Amino acid sequence: MADLRERVQSEYEAIQKTLTAMPPGNRLVKLSTLELAGVATLLHNFYNGVETILKQVLLAQGIPIPEGPAWHRDLLTASAEHQIISESTAEELKQFLAFRHFFSHAYALDLDPRRMESLVARVCDAFQSLSHDVNRLL
């Protein structure tokens, strides 16, 4: 369990650095396309960190990692079903999962700062919910 705790803590630190680099959500409309793409990358990095944590906890509990084309969604569902995260945390994280999917398949020119504002405004709360839930198990 100590090894898991260390891996999760390391991921928390990486996520915290990512969040520190995030600009305030209400300033996104003033950013250039390149800067907006940078913010989108930070949001994507945040959710990648979430998935890394969830996979580590599932593996530590002997629960297989979902596979297949919908594994990202199934990972979130499995984490809630196995009470690694609460249903409310899973619901909160679904917004970031949807953005991860969009970002992975879109062009930077398709980014809408107004749609990203709510994610940037909620990312710290989402991280706090995740870490609260996961820390219960550590």
C-alpha atoms as a PDB file:
ATOM      1  CA  MET A   1       0.000   0.000   0.000  1.00  0.00           C
ATOM      2  CA  ALA A   2       2.926   2.342   0.668  1.00  0.00           C
ATOM      3  CA  ASP A   3       4.071   1.948  -2.936  1.00  0.00           C
ATOM      4  CA  LEU A   4       0.586   2.820  -4.174  1.00  0.00           C
ATOM      5  CA  ARG A   5       0.480   5.824  -1.860  1.00  0.00           C
ATOM      6  CA  GLU A   6       3.793   7.063  -3.280  1.00  0.00           C
ATOM      7  CA  ARG A   7       2.658   6.609  -6.899  1.00  0.00           C
ATOM      8  CA  VAL A   8      -0.619   8.394  -6.247  1.00  0.00           C
ATOM      9  CA  GLN A   9       1.152  11.195  -4.390  1.00  0.00           C
ATOM     10  CA  SER A  10       3.534  11.627  -7.313  1.00  0.00           C
ATOM     11  CA  GLU A  11       0.569  11.908  -9.667  1.00  0.00           C
ATOM     12  CA  TYR A  12      -1.115  14.417  -7.317  1.00  0.00           C
ATOM     13  CA  GLU A  13       2.003  16.571  -7.492  1.00  0.00           C
ATOM     14  CA  ALA A  14       2.026  16.478 -11.295  1.00  0.00           C
ATOM     15  CA  ILE A  15      -1.665  17.405 -11.388  1.00  0.00           C
ATOM     16  CA  GLN A  16      -1.083  20.244  -8.931  1.00  0.00           C
ATOM     17  CA  LYS A  17       1.657  21.670 -11.178  1.00  0.00           C
ATOM     18  CA  THR A  18      -0.755  21.443 -14.099  1.00  0.00           C
ATOM     19  CA  LEU A  19      -3.459  23.286 -12.168  1.00  0.00           C
ATOM     20  CA  THR A  20      -1.011  25.984 -11.103  1.00  0.00           C
ATOM     21  CA  ALA A  21      -0.291  26.723 -14.771  1.00  0.00           C
ATOM     22  CA  MET A  22      -3.993  27.087 -15.594  1.00  0.00           C
ATOM     23  CA  PRO A  23      -5.174  30.673 -16.207  1.00  0.00           C
ATOM     24  CA  PRO A  24      -8.454  31.926 -14.725  1.00  0.00           C
ATOM     25  CA  GLY A  25     -11.424  30.676 -16.753  1.00  0.00           C
ATOM     26  CA  ASN A  26     -12.850  34.123 -17.313  1.00  0.00           C
ATOM     27  CA  ARG A  27      -9.749  35.141 -19.300  1.00  0.00           C
ATOM     28  CA  LEU A  28      -9.936  32.422 -21.944  1.00  0.00           C
ATOM     29  CA  VAL A  29     -11.753  34.562 -24.510  1.00  0.00           C
ATOM     30  CA  LYS A  30      -8.752  36.915 -24.548  1.00  0.00           C
ATOM     31  CA  LEU A  31      -6.264  34.166 -25.399  1.00  0.00           C
ATOM     32  CA  SER A  32      -4.787  33.479 -28.814  1.00  0.00           C
ATOM     33  CA  THR A  33      -5.482  30.177 -30.540  1.00  0.00           C
ATOM     34  CA  LEU A  34      -2.057  28.940 -29.489  1.00  0.00           C
ATOM     35  CA  GLU A  35      -2.611  29.943 -25.840  1.00  0.00           C
ATOM     36  CA  LEU A  36      -6.075  28.369 -25.842  1.00  0.00           C
ATOM     37  CA  ALA A  37      -4.559  25.157 -27.201  1.00  0.00           C
ATOM     38  CA  GLY A  38      -2.138  25.276 -24.265  1.00  0.00           C
ATOM     39  CA  VAL A  39      -5.021  25.516 -21.789  1.00  0.00           C
ATOM     40  CA  ALA A  40      -6.742  22.620 -23.566  1.00  0.00           C
ATOM     41  CA  THR A  41      -3.547  20.599 -23.194  1.00  0.00           C
ATOM     42  CA  LEU A  42      -3.504  21.341 -19.464  1.00  0.00           C
ATOM     43  CA  LEU A  43      -7.114  20.143 -19.130  1.00  0.00           C
ATOM     44  CA  HIS A  44      -6.197  17.026 -21.095  1.00  0.00           C
ATOM     45  CA  ASN A  45      -3.154  16.468 -18.854  1.00  0.00           C
ATOM     46  CA  PHE A  46      -5.349  16.813 -15.768  1.00  0.00           C
ATOM     47  CA  TYR A  47      -7.680  14.070 -16.940  1.00  0.00           C
ATOM     48  CA  ASN A  48      -4.775  11.830 -17.990  1.00  0.00           C
ATOM     49  CA  GLY A  49      -3.521  12.148 -14.410  1.00  0.00           C
ATOM     50  CA  VAL A  50      -6.969  11.230 -13.088  1.00  0.00           C
ATOM     51  CA  GLU A  51      -6.969   8.100 -15.245  1.00  0.00           C
ATOM     52  CA  THR A  52      -3.464   7.165 -14.105  1.00  0.00           C
ATOM     53  CA  ILE A  53      -4.551   7.368 -10.470  1.00  0.00           C
ATOM     54  CA  LEU A  54      -7.717   5.349 -11.064  1.00  0.00           C
ATOM     55  CA  LYS A  55      -5.802   2.638 -12.944  1.00  0.00           C
ATOM     56  CA  GLN A  56      -3.217   2.383 -10.155  1.00  0.00           C
ATOM     57  CA  VAL A  57      -5.880   2.002  -7.473  1.00  0.00           C
ATOM     58  CA  LEU A  58      -7.843  -0.556  -9.477  1.00  0.00           C
ATOM     59  CA  LEU A  59      -4.706  -2.618 -10.084  1.00  0.00           C
ATOM     60  CA  ALA A  60      -3.733  -2.433  -6.400  1.00  0.00           C
ATOM     61  CA  GLN A  61      -7.156  -3.846  -5.526  1.00  0.00           C
ATOM     62  CA  GLY A  62      -6.821  -6.639  -8.078  1.00  0.00           C
ATOM     63  CA  ILE A  63      -9.503  -5.203 -10.346  1.00  0.00           C
ATOM     64  CA  PRO A  64      -8.765  -5.497 -14.083  1.00  0.00           C
ATOM     65  CA  ILE A  65      -8.398  -2.320 -16.127  1.00  0.00           C
ATOM     66  CA  PRO A  66     -11.160  -2.027 -18.730  1.00  0.00           C
ATOM     67  CA  GLU A  67     -10.178  -2.605 -22.327  1.00  0.00           C
ATOM     68  CA  GLY A  68     -11.700  -1.881 -25.691  1.00  0.00           C
ATOM     69  CA  PRO A  69     -12.815   1.251 -27.503  1.00  0.00           C
ATOM     70  CA  ALA A  70     -14.784   2.603 -24.519  1.00  0.00           C
ATOM     71  CA  TRP A  71     -12.149   1.892 -21.878  1.00  0.00           C
ATOM     72  CA  HIS A  72     -11.868   5.539 -20.801  1.00  0.00           C
ATOM     73  CA  ARG A  73     -15.574   5.682 -19.943  1.00  0.00           C
ATOM     74  CA  ASP A  74     -15.528   2.169 -18.490  1.00  0.00           C
ATOM     75  CA  LEU A  75     -12.587   3.083 -16.239  1.00  0.00           C
ATOM     76  CA  LEU A  76     -14.594   5.899 -14.695  1.00  0.00           C
ATOM     77  CA  THR A  77     -17.644   3.650 -14.304  1.00  0.00           C
ATOM     78  CA  ALA A  78     -15.616   0.824 -12.750  1.00  0.00           C
ATOM     79  CA  SER A  79     -13.983   3.255 -10.322  1.00  0.00           C
ATOM     80  CA  ALA A  80     -17.399   4.368  -9.088  1.00  0.00           C
ATOM     81  CA  GLU A  81     -18.802   0.826  -8.996  1.00  0.00           C
ATOM     82  CA  HIS A  82     -15.864  -0.341  -6.868  1.00  0.00           C
ATOM     83  CA  GLN A  83     -16.247   2.720  -4.619  1.00  0.00           C
ATOM     84  CA  ILE A  84     -12.834   4.130  -5.414  1.00  0.00           C
ATOM     85  CA  ILE A  85     -14.620   7.384  -6.180  1.00  0.00           C
ATOM     86  CA  SER A  86     -18.117   8.496  -5.300  1.00  0.00           C
ATOM     87  CA  GLU A  87     -20.913   8.716  -7.846  1.00  0.00           C
ATOM     88  CA  SER A  88     -20.828  12.510  -7.521  1.00  0.00           C
ATOM     89  CA  THR A  89     -17.089  12.592  -8.248  1.00  0.00           C
ATOM     90  CA  ALA A  90     -17.629  10.319 -11.257  1.00  0.00           C
ATOM     91  CA  GLU A  91     -20.347  12.663 -12.536  1.00  0.00           C
ATOM     92  CA  GLU A  92     -18.056  15.645 -12.075  1.00  0.00           C
ATOM     93  CA  LEU A  93     -15.223  13.910 -13.914  1.00  0.00           C
ATOM     94  CA  LYS A  94     -17.445  12.942 -16.871  1.00  0.00           C
ATOM     95  CA  GLN A  95     -17.218  16.535 -18.110  1.00  0.00           C
ATOM     96  CA  PHE A  96     -13.429  16.229 -18.250  1.00  0.00           C
ATOM     97  CA  LEU A  97     -13.664  12.814 -19.890  1.00  0.00           C
ATOM     98  CA  ALA A  98     -15.862  14.302 -22.607  1.00  0.00           C
ATOM     99  CA  PHE A  99     -13.363  17.118 -23.113  1.00  0.00           C
ATOM    100  CA  ARG A 100     -10.481  14.615 -23.280  1.00  0.00           C
ATOM    101  CA  HIS A 101     -12.308  12.808 -26.063  1.00  0.00           C
ATOM    102  CA  PHE A 102     -13.070  16.045 -27.923  1.00  0.00           C
ATOM    103  CA  PHE A 103      -9.504  17.319 -27.562  1.00  0.00           C
ATOM    104  CA  SER A 104      -8.025  14.046 -28.796  1.00  0.00           C
ATOM    105  CA  HIS A 105     -10.088  14.176 -31.991  1.00  0.00           C
ATOM    106  CA  ALA A 106     -10.425  17.906 -32.735  1.00  0.00           C
ATOM    107  CA  TYR A 107      -8.295  20.638 -34.217  1.00  0.00           C
ATOM    108  CA  ALA A 108      -7.066  23.511 -32.072  1.00  0.00           C
ATOM    109  CA  LEU A 109      -9.118  25.859 -34.229  1.00  0.00           C
ATOM    110  CA  ASP A 110     -12.266  24.068 -33.002  1.00  0.00           C
ATOM    111  CA  LEU A 111     -11.660  25.020 -29.363  1.00  0.00           C
ATOM    112  CA  ASP A 112     -14.335  27.290 -27.921  1.00  0.00           C
ATOM    113  CA  PRO A 113     -13.087  29.359 -24.971  1.00  0.00           C
ATOM    114  CA  ARG A 114     -16.605  29.850 -23.627  1.00  0.00           C
ATOM    115  CA  ARG A 115     -17.185  26.098 -23.456  1.00  0.00           C
ATOM    116  CA  MET A 116     -13.803  25.592 -21.782  1.00  0.00           C
ATOM    117  CA  GLU A 117     -14.423  28.278 -19.142  1.00  0.00           C
ATOM    118  CA  SER A 118     -16.657  26.058 -17.026  1.00  0.00           C
ATOM    119  CA  LEU A 119     -14.082  23.256 -17.028  1.00  0.00           C
ATOM    120  CA  VAL A 120     -11.275  25.585 -16.017  1.00  0.00           C
ATOM    121  CA  ALA A 121     -13.495  27.030 -13.280  1.00  0.00           C
ATOM    122  CA  ARG A 122     -14.287  23.533 -11.927  1.00  0.00           C
ATOM    123  CA  VAL A 123     -10.984  21.720 -12.383  1.00  0.00           C
ATOM    124  CA  CYS A 124      -9.672  22.468  -8.877  1.00  0.00           C
ATOM    125  CA  ASP A 125     -12.914  21.283  -7.273  1.00  0.00           C
ATOM    126  CA  ALA A 126     -12.844  18.126  -9.395  1.00  0.00           C
ATOM    127  CA  PHE A 127      -9.284  17.432  -8.272  1.00  0.00           C
ATOM    128  CA  GLN A 128     -10.228  18.006  -4.650  1.00  0.00           C
ATOM    129  CA  SER A 129     -13.158  15.572  -4.950  1.00  0.00           C
ATOM    130  CA  LEU A 130     -10.972  12.945  -6.581  1.00  0.00           C
ATOM    131  CA  SER A 131      -8.174  13.245  -4.029  1.00  0.00           C
ATOM    132  CA  HIS A 132     -10.659  13.173  -1.128  1.00  0.00           C
ATOM    133  CA  ASP A 133     -12.200   9.943  -2.413  1.00  0.00           C
ATOM    134  CA  VAL A 134      -8.900   8.238  -3.243  1.00  0.00           C
ATOM    135  CA  ASN A 135      -7.262   9.295   0.020  1.00  0.00           C
ATOM    136  CA  ARG A 136      -9.976   7.402   1.926  1.00  0.00           C
ATOM    137  CA  LEU A 137      -8.493   4.201   0.493  1.00  0.00           C
ATOM    138  CA  LEU A 138      -4.867   5.035   1.109  1.00  0.00           C
END
